[in-house]
Structure formats: C-alpha cells, structure tokens
Protein backbone atom coordinates (compact mmCIF):
# COMPACT_ATOMS: atom_id res chain seq x y z
CA MET A 1 0.00 0.00 0.00
CA PRO A 2 1.15 3.57 -0.60
CA TYR A 3 1.92 6.18 1.98
CA GLN A 4 0.50 9.69 1.72
CA GLU A 5 2.07 12.99 0.74
CA ALA A 6 1.05 16.64 0.83
CA LEU A 7 1.52 18.87 -2.21
CA THR A 8 1.47 22.65 -1.79
CA VAL A 9 1.98 24.91 -4.80
CA LEU A 10 2.24 28.69 -4.27
CA ALA A 11 1.90 30.84 -7.38
CA PRO A 12 2.25 34.65 -7.43
CA ILE A 13 -0.69 36.37 -9.10
CA ARG A 14 -0.21 38.70 -12.04
CA PRO A 15 -0.87 42.35 -11.14
CA GLY A 16 -4.42 43.24 -12.14
CA ALA A 17 -5.49 39.61 -12.67
CA GLU A 18 -6.91 38.98 -9.18
CA GLU A 19 -10.57 39.42 -10.14
CA ARG A 20 -10.32 37.19 -13.22
CA LEU A 21 -8.58 34.54 -11.13
CA ARG A 22 -11.35 34.60 -8.53
CA GLU A 23 -13.94 34.26 -11.32
CA ALA A 24 -12.08 31.22 -12.66
CA LEU A 25 -12.02 29.65 -9.19
CA ALA A 26 -15.73 30.39 -8.70
CA ALA A 27 -16.48 28.62 -11.99
CA ALA A 28 -14.42 25.62 -10.87
CA ALA A 29 -16.24 25.50 -7.53
CA ALA A 30 -19.66 25.62 -9.22
CA ALA A 31 -18.94 22.72 -11.58
CA ASP A 32 -21.14 19.64 -11.34
CA PRO A 33 -19.83 17.07 -10.51
CA PRO A 34 -17.45 18.88 -8.15
CA ASP A 35 -14.29 17.79 -10.01
CA ALA A 36 -15.61 18.54 -13.50
CA ALA A 37 -13.58 21.75 -13.78
CA MET A 38 -10.49 20.32 -12.06
CA PRO A 39 -10.62 16.54 -12.62
CA PHE A 40 -9.03 15.31 -9.40
CA GLY A 41 -11.32 12.28 -9.52
CA ARG A 42 -9.57 11.07 -12.68
CA MET A 43 -6.17 11.31 -11.01
CA THR A 44 -4.61 8.51 -8.98
CA GLY A 45 -4.97 8.52 -5.22
CA VAL A 46 -6.24 12.07 -4.62
CA HIS A 47 -8.02 12.14 -1.25
CA PHE A 48 -8.57 15.91 -0.95
CA ALA A 49 -7.59 18.96 -2.98
CA ARG A 50 -8.25 22.69 -2.88
CA LEU A 51 -7.54 25.90 -4.76
CA PHE A 52 -7.81 29.26 -3.05
CA VAL A 53 -6.46 32.78 -3.04
CA LEU A 54 -4.36 33.70 -0.02
CA ASP A 55 -4.79 37.44 0.45
CA ALA A 56 -1.91 39.86 0.67
CA ASP A 57 -0.75 40.76 4.17
CA ALA A 58 2.12 42.53 5.87
CA ALA A 59 4.72 41.35 8.36
CA PRO A 60 5.05 43.37 11.59
CA ASP A 61 8.20 45.01 10.20
CA GLY A 62 6.21 46.29 7.24
CA THR A 63 7.46 43.71 4.72
CA PRO A 64 4.65 43.09 2.21
CA LEU A 65 3.42 39.50 1.99
CA ALA A 66 2.17 38.92 -1.53
CA GLU A 67 -1.20 37.59 -2.58
CA ARG A 68 -0.86 34.00 -3.83
CA LEU A 69 -2.85 31.31 -5.57
CA VAL A 70 -2.51 28.14 -3.51
CA LEU A 71 -3.04 24.59 -4.76
CA MET A 72 -3.04 21.89 -2.09
CA SER A 73 -3.68 18.18 -2.43
CA ASP A 74 -3.43 15.16 -0.14
CA VAL A 75 -2.44 12.18 -2.25
CA ASP A 76 -1.07 8.66 -2.26
CA ALA A 77 2.62 8.50 -3.10
CA PRO A 78 4.54 8.94 -5.29
CA LEU A 79 4.25 12.70 -5.54
CA ASP A 80 5.93 12.76 -8.97
CA ARG A 81 3.05 10.74 -10.40
CA HIS A 82 0.55 13.23 -9.00
CA LEU A 83 2.45 16.18 -10.45
CA SER A 84 2.53 14.49 -13.86
CA GLU A 85 -1.19 13.76 -13.73
CA LEU A 86 -1.92 17.35 -12.73
CA ALA A 87 0.04 18.56 -15.76
CA GLU A 88 -1.72 16.10 -18.08
CA GLU A 89 -5.22 15.26 -16.77
CA GLY A 90 -5.65 18.71 -15.28
CA ALA A 91 -4.18 20.54 -18.26
CA ALA A 92 -7.22 22.57 -19.32
CA ALA A 93 -8.21 23.39 -15.73
CA LEU A 94 -4.70 24.44 -14.73
CA ASP A 95 -4.41 26.63 -17.81
CA ARG A 96 -7.69 28.40 -16.96
CA VAL A 97 -6.49 29.18 -13.45
CA LEU A 98 -2.71 29.46 -13.60
CA ARG A 99 -2.65 31.71 -16.65
CA HIS A 100 -3.48 34.48 -14.17
CA CYS A 101 -0.23 33.77 -12.31
CA GLU A 102 3.20 35.23 -12.93
CA GLY A 103 5.60 33.12 -14.94
CA TYR A 104 3.04 30.58 -16.16
CA PRO A 105 3.98 29.55 -19.71
CA ASP A 106 1.69 30.79 -22.47
CA PRO A 107 0.84 28.72 -24.35
CA ALA A 108 1.38 25.99 -21.77
CA ASP A 109 2.36 22.45 -22.67
CA PHE A 110 2.90 19.36 -20.51
CA ASP A 111 6.57 20.08 -19.84
CA GLY A 112 5.85 23.75 -19.10
CA ARG A 113 3.04 22.95 -16.66
CA LEU A 114 5.07 20.28 -14.89
CA ALA A 115 8.10 22.54 -14.57
CA TYR A 116 5.93 25.37 -13.22
CA LEU A 117 4.31 23.13 -10.59
CA ARG A 118 7.66 21.79 -9.44
CA ARG A 119 9.22 25.24 -9.33
CA HIS A 120 6.46 26.60 -7.11
CA ALA A 121 5.98 23.57 -4.85
CA VAL A 122 6.95 24.07 -1.19
CA ALA A 123 7.48 21.51 1.56
CA SER A 124 5.28 21.28 4.63
CA ALA A 125 6.83 22.07 8.01
CA ALA A 126 4.61 19.28 9.39
CA ALA A 127 1.89 17.13 7.81
CA TYR A 128 -0.69 14.97 9.61
CA VAL A 129 -2.32 11.93 7.99
CA ASN A 130 -5.24 10.34 9.82
CA THR A 131 -3.85 6.85 9.21
CA VAL A 132 -0.51 6.56 7.45
CA GLY A 133 -0.61 3.96 4.68
CA ARG A 134 -4.38 3.88 4.22
CA GLY A 135 -4.63 4.60 0.52
CA LEU A 136 -7.61 5.87 -1.44
CA ASP A 137 -8.24 2.49 -3.09
CA GLN A 138 -8.42 0.86 0.35
CA ILE A 139 -10.87 3.47 1.66
CA LEU A 140 -13.16 3.12 -1.36
CA LEU A 141 -12.99 -0.69 -1.29
CA GLU A 142 -13.93 -0.75 2.39
CA GLN A 143 -16.80 1.65 1.78
CA ARG A 144 -18.14 -0.61 -1.01
CA LEU A 145 -17.67 -3.62 1.26
CA ARG A 146 -19.71 -2.14 4.06
CA ASP A 147 -22.50 -0.98 1.74
CA ALA A 148 -22.66 -4.36 -0.02
CA VAL A 149 -22.66 -6.38 3.22
CA GLU A 150 -25.39 -4.23 4.76
CA ALA A 151 -27.52 -4.68 1.63
CA TYR A 152 -26.85 -8.44 1.70
CA LEU A 153 -27.88 -8.75 5.35
CA ASP A 154 -31.05 -6.77 4.67
CA ARG A 155 -31.97 -9.21 1.90
CA CYS A 156 -31.15 -12.29 3.98
CA ARG A 157 -32.53 -11.08 7.28
CA ASP A 158 -35.22 -13.79 7.53
CA GLU A 159 -32.76 -16.58 6.70
CA LEU A 160 -30.29 -15.46 9.35
CA VAL A 161 -32.75 -14.93 12.20
CA GLY A 162 -31.62 -17.03 15.15
CA SER A 163 -28.12 -17.66 13.75
CA ASP A 164 -25.18 -17.11 16.07
CA ALA A 165 -22.58 -14.43 15.29
CA LEU A 166 -19.97 -16.85 13.95
CA THR A 167 -22.50 -18.31 11.49
CA VAL A 168 -23.43 -14.85 10.27
CA ARG A 169 -19.76 -13.98 9.90
CA GLU A 170 -19.16 -17.08 7.80
CA GLN A 171 -22.13 -16.23 5.56
CA ILE A 172 -20.70 -12.74 5.07
CA ARG A 173 -17.31 -14.19 4.17
CA ARG A 174 -18.92 -16.47 1.57
CA PHE A 175 -20.86 -13.54 0.12
CA VAL A 176 -17.68 -11.46 -0.17
CA ALA A 177 -15.72 -14.36 -1.68
CA ALA A 178 -18.39 -14.77 -4.37
CA ASN A 179 -18.14 -11.10 -5.37
CA GLU A 180 -15.08 -10.45 -7.53
CA ALA A 181 -15.03 -6.72 -6.77
CA LEU A 182 -15.12 -7.34 -2.99
CA ARG A 183 -12.93 -10.43 -2.80
CA PRO A 184 -9.67 -8.52 -2.12
CA ALA A 185 -11.21 -7.42 1.20
CA LEU A 186 -10.83 -10.98 2.51
CA GLU A 187 -7.09 -10.31 2.79
CA PRO A 188 -5.73 -7.86 5.39
CA ALA A 189 -4.78 -4.43 4.06
CA GLN A 190 -1.08 -4.29 3.24
CA PRO A 191 1.21 -1.77 4.98
CA PRO A 192 3.33 0.72 3.01
CA ASP A 193 6.32 -0.71 1.19
CA LEU A 194 9.42 -1.88 3.03
CA ALA A 195 11.58 1.06 1.97
CA PHE A 196 9.13 3.52 3.52
CA ARG A 197 8.88 1.55 6.74
CA VAL A 198 12.67 1.35 7.03
CA ARG A 199 13.00 5.12 6.51
CA GLU A 200 10.34 5.83 9.12
CA ALA A 201 11.89 3.44 11.64
CA ALA A 202 15.30 5.01 11.13
CA HIS A 203 13.88 8.50 11.57
CA MET A 204 11.96 7.47 14.69
CA VAL A 205 15.17 6.18 16.32
CA LEU A 206 17.77 8.63 15.05
CA VAL A 207 16.00 11.85 16.00
CA PRO A 208 15.77 11.01 19.74
CA ALA A 209 19.34 9.69 19.60
CA VAL A 210 20.60 13.03 18.28
CA LEU A 211 18.58 14.91 20.91
CA ILE A 212 20.10 12.78 23.65
CA LEU A 213 23.56 13.72 22.40
CA LEU A 214 22.54 17.38 22.45
CA THR A 215 21.01 17.21 25.93
CA PRO A 216 23.80 19.18 27.67
CA VAL A 217 23.46 22.02 25.14
CA LEU A 218 19.66 22.01 25.38
CA ILE A 219 19.74 22.07 29.20
CA ALA A 220 22.16 24.99 29.17
CA ALA A 221 20.00 26.90 26.67
CA LEU A 222 16.70 26.23 28.44
CA PRO A 223 16.93 28.97 31.14
CA VAL A 224 17.89 31.59 28.56
CA GLY A 225 15.06 30.46 26.28
CA ALA A 226 12.56 30.59 29.14
CA VAL A 227 13.52 34.16 30.05
CA LEU A 228 13.32 35.27 26.42
CA LEU A 229 9.94 33.57 26.05
CA ARG A 230 8.43 35.43 29.02
CA LEU A 231 9.87 38.74 27.84
CA HIS A 232 8.29 38.24 24.45
CA GLU A 233 4.97 37.08 25.93
CA ARG A 234 4.74 40.16 28.15
CA ARG A 235 5.13 42.37 25.08
CA ASP A 236 2.47 40.53 23.07
CA VAL A 237 -0.57 42.53 21.99
CA PRO A 238 -3.66 40.37 21.36
CA ASP A 239 -5.95 41.38 18.49
CA GLU A 240 -9.28 41.94 20.24
CA ARG A 241 -11.15 43.35 17.26
CA PRO A 242 -14.26 41.32 16.38
CA ALA A 243 -14.13 39.32 13.16
CA ASP A 244 -15.56 41.22 10.19
CA ASP A 245 -19.23 40.26 9.65
CA ALA A 246 -18.90 40.17 5.86
CA HIS A 247 -15.82 37.91 6.12
CA VAL A 248 -17.61 35.53 8.49
CA ALA A 249 -20.66 35.44 6.19
CA LEU A 250 -18.43 34.58 3.22
CA LEU A 251 -16.79 31.77 5.17
CA ALA A 252 -20.18 30.43 6.30
CA SER A 253 -21.44 30.35 2.70
CA MET A 254 -18.62 27.93 1.82
CA GLU A 255 -19.04 25.58 4.78
CA ASP A 256 -21.25 22.62 5.69
CA HIS A 257 -22.14 21.50 2.16
CA SER A 258 -21.29 17.93 3.23
CA ILE A 259 -20.26 16.25 6.46
CA GLN A 260 -16.67 17.34 5.72
CA ASN A 261 -15.17 20.81 5.49
CA PRO A 262 -11.85 22.35 4.46
CA PHE A 263 -10.12 24.77 6.78
CA VAL A 264 -7.35 27.28 6.09
CA ALA A 265 -5.91 29.86 8.49
CA ALA A 266 -2.93 32.06 7.71
CA GLY A 267 -1.12 34.95 9.33
CA PRO A 268 2.22 36.63 9.86
CA LEU A 269 4.57 35.59 12.64
CA LYS A 270 5.42 37.94 15.45
CA PRO A 271 8.61 39.92 14.77
CA GLY A 272 12.13 38.85 15.58
CA PRO A 273 14.38 35.82 15.23
CA PHE A 274 13.26 34.35 18.56
CA ARG A 275 9.68 33.79 17.38
CA ARG A 276 10.90 32.44 14.06
CA LEU A 277 13.21 29.97 15.78
CA LEU A 278 10.54 28.98 18.29
CA THR A 279 7.95 28.32 15.57
CA THR A 280 10.45 26.30 13.55
CA SER A 281 11.33 24.22 16.62
CA VAL A 282 7.73 23.61 17.64
CA LEU A 283 6.73 22.53 14.14
CA TRP A 284 9.80 20.30 13.94
CA ILE A 285 8.61 18.54 17.09
CA ALA A 286 5.06 18.44 15.70
CA SER A 287 6.34 16.85 12.50
CA TYR A 288 8.01 14.08 14.49
CA ALA A 289 4.89 13.55 16.61
CA VAL A 290 2.47 13.24 13.67
CA ARG A 291 4.83 10.86 11.88
CA HIS A 292 5.44 8.49 14.76
CA VAL A 293 2.90 9.05 17.55
CA PHE A 294 -0.31 10.55 16.19
CA ASN A 295 -0.37 8.50 13.00
CA HIS A 296 -3.47 6.38 13.43
CA ALA A 297 -6.90 8.02 13.58
CA ASP A 298 -6.14 10.29 16.53
CA LEU A 299 -4.43 13.69 16.70
CA ALA A 300 -3.91 14.03 20.45
CA GLY A 301 -7.57 13.21 21.09
CA VAL A 302 -9.04 14.92 18.00
CA LYS A 303 -10.46 12.19 15.75
CA THR A 304 -12.29 14.26 13.15
CA ILE A 305 -9.32 15.29 11.00
CA HIS A 306 -8.48 13.45 7.77
CA PHE A 307 -5.38 15.45 6.79
CA ALA A 308 -3.67 18.60 8.07
CA ARG A 309 -0.49 20.55 7.36
CA TRP A 310 1.53 23.57 8.46
CA VAL A 311 3.47 25.47 5.77
CA PHE A 312 5.94 28.35 6.10
CA LEU A 313 5.64 31.18 3.55
CA ASP A 314 7.55 34.33 2.70
CA GLY A 315 10.86 33.36 4.25
CA LYS A 316 9.16 32.16 7.45
CA ARG A 317 7.36 35.47 7.92
CA ARG A 318 3.96 33.81 7.52
CA VAL A 319 2.46 30.38 8.36
CA VAL A 320 -0.50 28.60 6.80
CA PHE A 321 -2.44 25.84 8.54
CA ALA A 322 -4.80 23.75 6.40
CA SER A 323 -6.94 20.73 7.22
CA ASN A 324 -9.84 18.57 6.08
CA TYR A 325 -12.19 17.81 8.96
CA ASP A 326 -15.65 16.48 9.86
CA GLY A 327 -18.53 18.48 11.28
CA SER A 328 -19.08 22.19 11.75
CA VAL A 329 -16.33 24.74 12.26
CA GLU A 330 -17.74 25.47 15.71
CA SER A 331 -17.42 21.84 16.83
CA TYR A 332 -13.98 21.69 15.20
CA MET A 333 -12.73 24.65 17.21
CA ASP A 334 -14.34 23.26 20.39
CA ASP A 335 -12.52 19.96 19.82
CA PHE A 336 -9.19 21.74 19.68
CA ILE A 337 -9.89 23.99 22.65
CA ASP A 338 -11.03 21.08 24.83
CA LYS A 339 -8.39 18.52 23.85
CA VAL A 340 -5.25 20.14 22.43
CA TRP A 341 -5.28 23.72 23.67
CA TRP A 342 -1.65 23.28 24.70
CA GLY A 343 -0.69 22.33 21.14
CA LEU A 344 -2.62 25.26 19.69
CA ASN A 345 -0.78 27.62 22.00
CA ALA A 346 2.63 26.13 21.22
CA VAL A 347 2.19 26.74 17.49
CA PHE A 348 -0.28 29.58 16.99
CA SER A 349 0.86 31.82 19.87
CA ASN A 350 3.74 32.81 17.60
CA GLY A 351 1.27 34.46 15.25
CA VAL A 352 0.39 38.16 15.37
CA GLY A 353 -2.75 38.92 17.39
CA TYR A 354 -3.06 35.55 19.17
CA PRO A 355 -4.49 35.68 22.72
CA ARG A 356 -1.71 36.16 25.25
CA THR A 357 -0.05 32.96 26.55
CA ARG A 358 2.00 32.11 29.64
CA TRP A 359 5.06 29.89 29.34
CA LEU A 360 4.01 29.03 25.78
CA PHE A 361 1.41 26.40 26.70
CA PHE A 362 -0.96 28.18 29.09
CA GLY A 363 -3.63 30.82 28.53
CA GLY A 364 -4.14 31.54 24.82
CA ALA A 365 -6.74 29.13 23.45
CA ARG A 366 -8.25 28.72 26.93
CA ASP A 367 -9.81 32.13 26.31
CA GLU A 368 -12.46 30.60 24.07
CA ARG A 369 -14.02 33.81 22.79
CA ALA A 370 -10.69 35.45 21.93
CA PHE A 371 -9.33 32.29 20.32
CA LYS A 372 -12.37 31.71 18.11
CA ASN A 373 -12.37 35.36 17.11
CA ILE A 374 -8.72 35.42 15.98
CA LEU A 375 -9.10 32.07 14.23
CA ARG A 376 -12.15 33.28 12.31
CA THR A 377 -10.34 36.52 11.49
CA ARG A 378 -7.35 34.65 10.11
CA GLN A 379 -9.41 31.99 8.32
CA ALA A 380 -9.19 32.11 4.53
CA PRO A 381 -12.10 31.19 2.24
CA VAL A 382 -11.49 28.10 0.11
CA GLN A 383 -12.89 28.87 -3.32
CA ALA A 384 -12.63 25.36 -4.83
CA TRP A 385 -12.45 22.11 -2.87
CA TYR A 386 -12.54 18.39 -3.76
CA THR A 387 -13.05 15.31 -1.61
CA ALA A 388 -12.94 11.73 -2.89
CA TYR A 389 -15.32 10.40 -0.21
CA PRO A 390 -17.70 13.19 0.83
CA ASP A 391 -20.05 10.86 2.72
CA LEU A 392 -17.43 9.39 5.05
CA THR A 393 -16.25 10.84 8.33
CA ALA A 394 -12.82 9.92 9.67
CA ARG A 395 -14.58 7.66 12.18
CA ASN A 396 -16.50 5.96 9.33
CA VAL A 397 -13.23 5.32 7.50
CA GLU A 398 -11.66 3.80 10.61
CA ASN A 399 -14.74 1.70 11.37
CA ASN A 400 -14.87 0.38 7.80
CA ALA A 401 -11.20 -0.62 8.02
CA ARG A 402 -11.83 -2.48 11.26
CA PHE A 403 -14.84 -4.23 9.76
CA ARG A 404 -12.75 -5.31 6.77
CA GLY A 405 -10.05 -6.56 9.16
CA GLY A 406 -12.61 -8.81 10.83
CA LEU A 407 -13.10 -10.84 7.65
CA SER A 408 -9.71 -12.53 8.09
CA GLY A 409 -8.35 -14.61 10.93
CA THR A 410 -10.29 -16.44 13.62
CA MET A 411 -12.79 -15.08 16.17
CA SER A 412 -14.60 -16.20 19.26
CA GLU A 413 -18.37 -15.89 19.40
CA GLN A 414 -18.04 -12.82 21.62
CA GLU A 415 -15.55 -11.19 19.20
CA ALA A 416 -17.84 -11.92 16.27
CA GLU A 417 -20.76 -10.27 18.06
CA ALA A 418 -18.68 -7.15 18.69
CA TRP A 419 -17.50 -7.18 15.06
CA LEU A 420 -21.08 -7.30 13.75
CA GLN A 421 -21.88 -4.22 15.82
CA ARG A 422 -19.70 -2.25 13.40
CA LEU A 423 -22.44 -2.50 10.79
C-alpha cells in the first residue's frame, strides 16, 4: 500500500489579474460534478484537494506578503506521479487558473506545466495523515464492502434470524468471496512498502538519539530560552477586534455543504528571530509527533481530521495551517480547545494577534471567545475544494477498516458479536 504525501503549490498572481482569477475559481467551484472543472477524480490517489487565493498581508516590520494562488492536495505516493497527472489530466483546468499567475507559460504544454508546478511547490513544516498507509483504493474498497454487506444482510434477514454471530460472519465471508469486486477485502490491508517503513523506523530512532547527544546544550539553553519567552509574551498585543461580519458570512457560505469541510488559516509571525526559531522548533517537534505518535486516527484526542499541514511562507514570515475535517467549524474549534489547547498555544501563539499565553502552553486558546475570534479573522475562504469520499467521516473510514479486518483470521463468538456491531 502507498503512503500519503502533501503537495502545496504557491503561485504569485499577475498584477491586475486577481478578479479574473477569482472568477475562474468560482467557476471551478460551481462545476457539477465537483471535479468537472479540475478533474481530481480522474487522477490517482487524490483524497482531498483545494484551490484558493491567499490574500496579501504585511509582516510586523512592514514587509509586504504577496497575494498567492494556492493549490493543495493530499495524495497517495509517489508525488511525482501526482504532479505528472496534474500537468496532463488537469491541463485545461490548470491553464484556466494558472494563466493568471506570474511566470506561467503561455501557451502551456505538458513540460511547461510540470516545470511550473515543481518550481512553485513548497514543503510542509509538518503534515498529519489520519492513518498513514491507508490509501484511497483501500478506503473506497472498504466503503463498497460495508454498503454491499449491509444490503446483503437486509436481503437475507429472515434466513439469518436465530443464527449465532460466527455463522453470520461465515455467511458474510462467503458472500464477499463470491463477489469479484469485494474479494480482495478478505485479505488484510497491506502496509506501506518496506523502503518507507525502514526510513520511518530510522527517523523514529535517530532523532531522539541526536537529541540525547545534544542534551547538555539544550539544558544549558533552556533557562535563557525561558527568560526570552516570558519577555516576548509580556510584550504581546492580542488582536481583540471582532471578526468582520462580511468575512464571516463569506466563510459560512462555503461551509457545511457535506459532512466534511476544508479549513485554512494564515497569518504573519510575530517579529524577531526568537519567534521564528521557536515556531520552527515547535513545528519540527510536531512533525516528528504526527509521523510516529499521532499516526493512526487520533491527533492528540481529536479524531475528526483526515489530513492537516503547516506550511511556512515568505521566508518564514507567515504560516499557513490547512486541514480537512468532519462536522461544523464550531465543533472543530471546540474539539481543539477542549483537547489540544496546549498544542494550539505552542504553534499559533507565535502568530500576530493571538491571545496572550503564559510559558508558551498556558492561557491563549483557553480564552475561548478570543481564540475563536482570531481564528475566524485569520481563516481564509477556500474557493474550490474536492473530496474523494464526501459521505465518510474519519470515524467511518476507521470503522470500515476495522470491519474489513474482521473478515480474516479467527474469532470467538463474543468477538464476532462485537464485530457485527460495526455494521
């Protein structure tokens, strides 16, 4: 099975072309089916994708932060295949949108598109995958499996009345074995390839080993860092202005069209090298954690996120956070405040206007009103968004995988009863 990768392409917009670009994105968003204008559904392994305009901003030192067109996708590896398919399958759609961006070849050809995408691709500082190695084909197979088995049990309800759980399980296995499209589900899902697993295992071991070697330096630096942190925190000025009503209304018009939603928040970092170094360090730790700890259906207690990423822009003067999540934005923010407020503070407190923190982890997001206000203020509208499985929550995906896993191996009667409860 493949592992997953995050593609982020940042393209500068031609002066004077902003309105035409937004019109092109609006047309793409209005297409029916949703990927008709940008055919992500015809590309291999695309879970989620989005196109949006990131507005211009300014760093605290007055440095202008340019308006950008942003393309993001969450895909099954390899990333080179996805880039090639974007340049080929998405040719017409990319031309309609990217022709409003500086440096885009006109007329564009395959090689020109591919070179442009590669030239403007940027790496994530950290990227979260709900379950590493769970590819799109697996998710769709397990959705079909569940739907087919539920329909089969509905048809055979009278025949199975009074049967014990193991008998029902065996009947389900026979039904699946007789269906060529479902038969692969009788085998356990395969993990990512060996090379990927070796790289991840090496990274998981080597990073702590290096940190252990650096422990004396880190201990010596800690008191100085703590003093600098408190000095910076005392000078922080929270942005207490209410979110603009028109901006909130625009965001609301783009949300809750399915059980999933995209989220993007962006803003400049607080001034100075200390904040830049602190953000880099925190996201480096976050990257390790999401790779090796929070890599199976749970981001520190939050179980509604499919994919998420943090990306530095403008020479680390600005940070973008993007995710694909289940439910309303209100419940999403509540989830974070209740379960990972400390993580929110560690990362986002380095952004301009964030509610004041204490010792990095405390305060901040615990001020619910102030946190929700700054998050809504910094939230960017997503003009065009694609999801490969709009009817599945992250919990549904996990449940379907566990149901599929129960088709192989042996079970006791009690285990089979619990397994059937997943339907």
